[in-house]
Each structure stands twice: as structure tokens, then as C-alpha cells.
C-alpha atoms as a PDB file:
ATOM      1  CA  MET A   1     249.938 223.491  45.410  1.00  0.00           C
ATOM      2  CA  ALA A   2     247.170 221.114  44.109  1.00  0.00           C
ATOM      3  CA  ARG A   3     243.765 220.795  45.634  1.00  0.00           C
ATOM      4  CA  VAL A   4     243.029 217.475  47.059  1.00  0.00           C
ATOM      5  CA  LYS A   5     239.609 216.042  46.010  1.00  0.00           C
ATOM      6  CA  LYS A   6     237.656 215.116  48.989  1.00  0.00           C
ATOM      7  CA  SER A   7     237.035 211.241  49.014  1.00  0.00           C
ATOM      8  CA  ARG A   8     233.747 209.930  49.164  1.00  0.00           C
ATOM      9  CA  SER A   9     234.916 206.177  49.550  1.00  0.00           C
ATOM     10  CA  MET A  10     234.812 204.416  52.807  1.00  0.00           C
ATOM     11  CA  ARG A  11     238.401 204.149  53.144  1.00  0.00           C
ATOM     12  CA  GLY A  12     238.825 207.897  52.951  1.00  0.00           C
ATOM     13  CA  LYS A  13     236.260 208.562  55.618  1.00  0.00           C
ATOM     14  CA  LEU A  14     237.592 205.840  57.815  1.00  0.00           C
ATOM     15  CA  GLY A  15     241.016 207.247  57.724  1.00  0.00           C
ATOM     16  CA  LYS A  16     239.924 210.458  59.347  1.00  0.00           C
ATOM     17  CA  THR A  17     237.073 209.445  61.629  1.00  0.00           C
ATOM     18  CA  GLY A  18     237.393 205.953  62.983  1.00  0.00           C
ATOM     19  CA  SER A  19     237.136 202.296  62.392  1.00  0.00           C
ATOM     20  CA  LYS A  20     234.405 200.328  60.441  1.00  0.00           C
ATOM     21  CA  GLU A  21     232.839 199.166  63.587  1.00  0.00           C
ATOM     22  CA  MET A  22     232.372 202.650  64.793  1.00  0.00           C
ATOM     23  CA  MET A  23     230.601 203.479  61.338  1.00  0.00           C
ATOM     24  CA  LYS A  24     228.444 200.296  61.570  1.00  0.00           C
ATOM     25  CA  GLU A  25     227.397 201.381  65.159  1.00  0.00           C
ATOM     26  CA  GLN A  26     226.665 204.907  63.804  1.00  0.00           C
ATOM     27  CA  ASN A  27     224.451 203.455  61.019  1.00  0.00           C
ATOM     28  CA  LYS A  28     222.574 201.261  63.386  1.00  0.00           C
ATOM     29  CA  ALA A  29     221.916 204.253  65.431  1.00  0.00           C
ATOM     30  CA  ARG A  30     220.657 206.211  62.594  1.00  0.00           C
ATOM     31  CA  LYS A  31     218.340 203.360  61.627  1.00  0.00           C
ATOM     32  CA  ALA A  32     217.117 202.881  64.963  1.00  0.00           C
ATOM     33  CA  SER A  33     216.257 206.599  65.457  1.00  0.00           C
ATOM     34  CA  PRO A  34     212.587 207.591  64.912  1.00  0.00           C
ATOM     35  CA  THR A  35     211.951 208.819  61.413  1.00  0.00           C
ATOM     36  CA  ARG A  36     211.841 212.658  61.022  1.00  0.00           C
ATOM     37  CA  ARG A  37     208.437 214.258  60.055  1.00  0.00           C
ATOM     38  CA  PHE A  38     209.964 215.432  56.722  1.00  0.00           C
ATOM     39  CA  VAL A  39     210.877 211.868  55.689  1.00  0.00           C
ATOM     40  CA  THR A  40     207.499 210.382  56.491  1.00  0.00           C
ATOM     41  CA  LYS A  41     205.916 213.300  54.752  1.00  0.00           C
ATOM     42  CA  LYS A  42     207.951 213.103  51.436  1.00  0.00           C
ATOM     43  CA  ALA A  43     207.281 209.067  51.579  1.00  0.00           C
ATOM     44  CA  LYS A  44     203.613 209.647  51.915  1.00  0.00           C
ATOM     45  CA  GLU A  45     203.314 212.327  49.147  1.00  0.00           C
ATOM     46  CA  ARG A  46     205.446 209.900  46.762  1.00  0.00           C
ATOM     47  CA  LYS A  47     202.953 207.214  47.684  1.00  0.00           C
ATOM     48  CA  GLU A  48     199.943 209.469  46.971  1.00  0.00           C
ATOM     49  CA  GLN A  49     201.353 210.669  43.763  1.00  0.00           C
ATOM     50  CA  ALA A  50     202.051 207.079  42.356  1.00  0.00           C
ATOM     51  CA  HIS A  51     198.597 206.195  43.483  1.00  0.00           C
ATOM     52  CA  LYS A  52     197.056 209.109  41.433  1.00  0.00           C
ATOM     53  CA  LYS A  53     199.287 208.343  38.259  1.00  0.00           C
ATOM     54  CA  LEU A  54     197.963 204.659  38.428  1.00  0.00           C
ATOM     55  CA  GLU A  55     194.429 205.721  38.810  1.00  0.00           C
ATOM     56  CA  ARG A  56     195.017 208.359  35.852  1.00  0.00           C
ATOM     57  CA  LEU A  57     196.358 205.555  33.730  1.00  0.00           C
ATOM     58  CA  GLY A  58     193.564 203.077  34.701  1.00  0.00           C
ATOM     59  CA  LEU A  59     196.057 200.456  36.073  1.00  0.00           C
ATOM     60  CA  LEU A  60     194.768 200.681  39.546  1.00  0.00           C
ATOM     61  CA  PRO A  61     193.022 197.341  40.556  1.00  0.00           C
ATOM     62  CA  GLU A  62     189.205 197.628  41.198  1.00  0.00           C
ATOM     63  CA  LYS A  63     188.143 198.197  44.744  1.00  0.00           C
ATOM     64  CA  GLU A  64     185.908 195.471  46.266  1.00  0.00           C
ATOM     65  CA  VAL A  65     182.871 197.417  47.219  1.00  0.00           C
ATOM     66  CA  GLY A  66     181.836 195.933  50.555  1.00  0.00           C
ATOM     67  CA  ALA A  67     179.564 196.906  53.156  1.00  0.00           C
ATOM     68  CA  ALA A  68     181.129 199.488  55.647  1.00  0.00           C
ATOM     69  CA  PRO A  69     181.687 197.939  58.958  1.00  0.00           C
ATOM     70  CA  VAL A  70     178.680 198.927  61.292  1.00  0.00           C
ATOM     71  CA  ARG A  71     179.798 201.208  63.934  1.00  0.00           C
ATOM     72  CA  PRO A  72     178.259 200.839  67.370  1.00  0.00           C
ATOM     73  CA  ARG A  73     175.945 203.712  68.148  1.00  0.00           C
ATOM     74  CA  ARG A  74     177.054 205.938  71.063  1.00  0.00           C
ATOM     75  CA  PHE A  75     173.716 206.314  72.683  1.00  0.00           C
ATOM     76  CA  VAL A  76     171.286 203.428  72.349  1.00  0.00           C
ATOM     77  CA  PHE A  77     167.732 203.770  73.480  1.00  0.00           C
ATOM     78  CA  VAL A  78     166.592 201.337  76.105  1.00  0.00           C
ATOM     79  CA  LYS A  79     162.837 201.021  76.446  1.00  0.00           C
ATOM     80  CA  PRO A  80     161.765 201.695  80.008  1.00  0.00           C
ATOM     81  CA  VAL A  81     160.323 198.553  81.842  1.00  0.00           C
ATOM     82  CA  ASP A  82     156.568 198.623  82.127  1.00  0.00           C
ATOM     83  CA  GLU A  83     155.778 197.540  85.742  1.00  0.00           C
ATOM     84  CA  LYS A  84     152.212 196.518  85.285  1.00  0.00           C
ATOM     85  CA  ALA A  85     153.190 194.313  82.346  1.00  0.00           C
ATOM     86  CA  GLU A  86     155.848 192.721  84.415  1.00  0.00           C
ATOM     87  CA  GLN A  87     153.529 192.071  87.215  1.00  0.00           C
ATOM     88  CA  THR A  88     150.922 190.393  84.975  1.00  0.00           C
ATOM     89  CA  LYS A  89     153.738 188.242  83.474  1.00  0.00           C
ATOM     90  CA  MET A  90     155.206 187.185  86.809  1.00  0.00           C
ATOM     91  CA  GLN A  91     151.613 186.162  87.946  1.00  0.00           C
ATOM     92  CA  ALA A  92     150.953 184.200  84.670  1.00  0.00           C
ATOM     93  CA  GLN A  93     154.173 182.330  85.302  1.00  0.00           C
ATOM     94  CA  SER A  94     153.392 181.584  88.883  1.00  0.00           C
ATOM     95  CA  ASN A  95     149.911 180.380  87.758  1.00  0.00           C
ATOM     96  CA  ASN A  96     151.612 178.038  84.991  1.00  0.00           C
ATOM     97  CA  ILE A  97     153.846 176.256  87.446  1.00  0.00           C
ATOM     98  CA  ASP A  98     151.972 173.366  89.094  1.00  0.00           C
ATOM     99  CA  ASN A  99     153.454 172.978  92.624  1.00  0.00           C
ATOM    100  CA  ASP A 100     151.697 169.585  93.343  1.00  0.00           C
ATOM    101  CA  SER A 101     153.123 167.803  90.335  1.00  0.00           C
ATOM    102  CA  GLU A 102     156.657 166.124  91.251  1.00  0.00           C
ATOM    103  CA  ASP A 103     157.908 166.087  87.579  1.00  0.00           C
ATOM    104  CA  LEU A 104     158.128 169.722  86.507  1.00  0.00           C
ATOM    105  CA  SER A 105     159.023 170.662  82.828  1.00  0.00           C
ATOM    106  CA  LEU A 106     162.412 171.937  82.040  1.00  0.00           C
ATOM    107  CA  ASP A 107     161.064 175.388  81.316  1.00  0.00           C
ATOM    108  CA  GLU A 108     159.375 175.651  84.767  1.00  0.00           C
ATOM    109  CA  LEU A 109     162.616 174.468  86.458  1.00  0.00           C
ATOM    110  CA  LEU A 110     164.716 177.146  84.620  1.00  0.00           C
ATOM    111  CA  SER A 111     161.995 180.015  85.373  1.00  0.00           C
ATOM    112  CA  ALA A 112     162.230 179.003  89.005  1.00  0.00           C
ATOM    113  CA  PHE A 113     165.880 179.262  89.393  1.00  0.00           C
ATOM    114  CA  THR A 114     166.262 182.432  87.113  1.00  0.00           C
ATOM    115  CA  GLU A 115     165.937 185.775  88.934  1.00  0.00           C
ATOM    116  CA  GLU A 116     163.917 188.438  87.571  1.00  0.00           C
ATOM    117  CA  LYS A 117     165.138 191.904  87.852  1.00  0.00           C
END
């Protein structure tokens, strides 16, 4: 009795398992599933290896040396408010505003409407 060679063709597989539509659905499901760690790890290793080879051969394009983006500092020092300086500043502003004159300057109007903390 002769051994039957296992068929790798699509027709051979479909004869045993099911229809072409079922096979298409299986392929879609396989492609939609999240990638396994092993697959992504190997792809990353291959990419790194190719990068190293290009660097070794000198075919890697020159990196543009740009300024590193400035990261915001986590703790920023805020200078405490000096109360005496604030009071003298307020008094100076109140002295500058002339209440008798009807036509006030733009700066005086803005300072009158803005609240000082």
C-alpha cells in the first residue's frame, strides 16, 4: 500500500476541512487577533539588526541634531508675594489715578477694572 503524500494545496485542505469561505473567515480572525509577544519581539529584533548593519556599513542617513524638547519641570519655584511692596504699589497706583478729570487714560481704566489678588 502506497503512502499518500499530504497535500499542501488549498484544494486538498478544503476537501477535508470546509469551504473557501470558512477559510477566509479563519484568515480574517487570525489577522484581527492581537499579535503575540513572540512575533512582535522577533520583528523588533530584526529591525534592530538591520539598523545596526546599515550603521556598520555607513549607509544610515545622518541624524538631524536638533534641540531636545524642553520638558516642563515638575516643581516650579513661585516667589512669595511681598506684602509691603504690594501695598506701596497699590498706593502709587491710587495716587496716579486722577478722579477729578473726566477723561481717564486707557491704562487707568484697565487698572481700575482689574482685580488685584
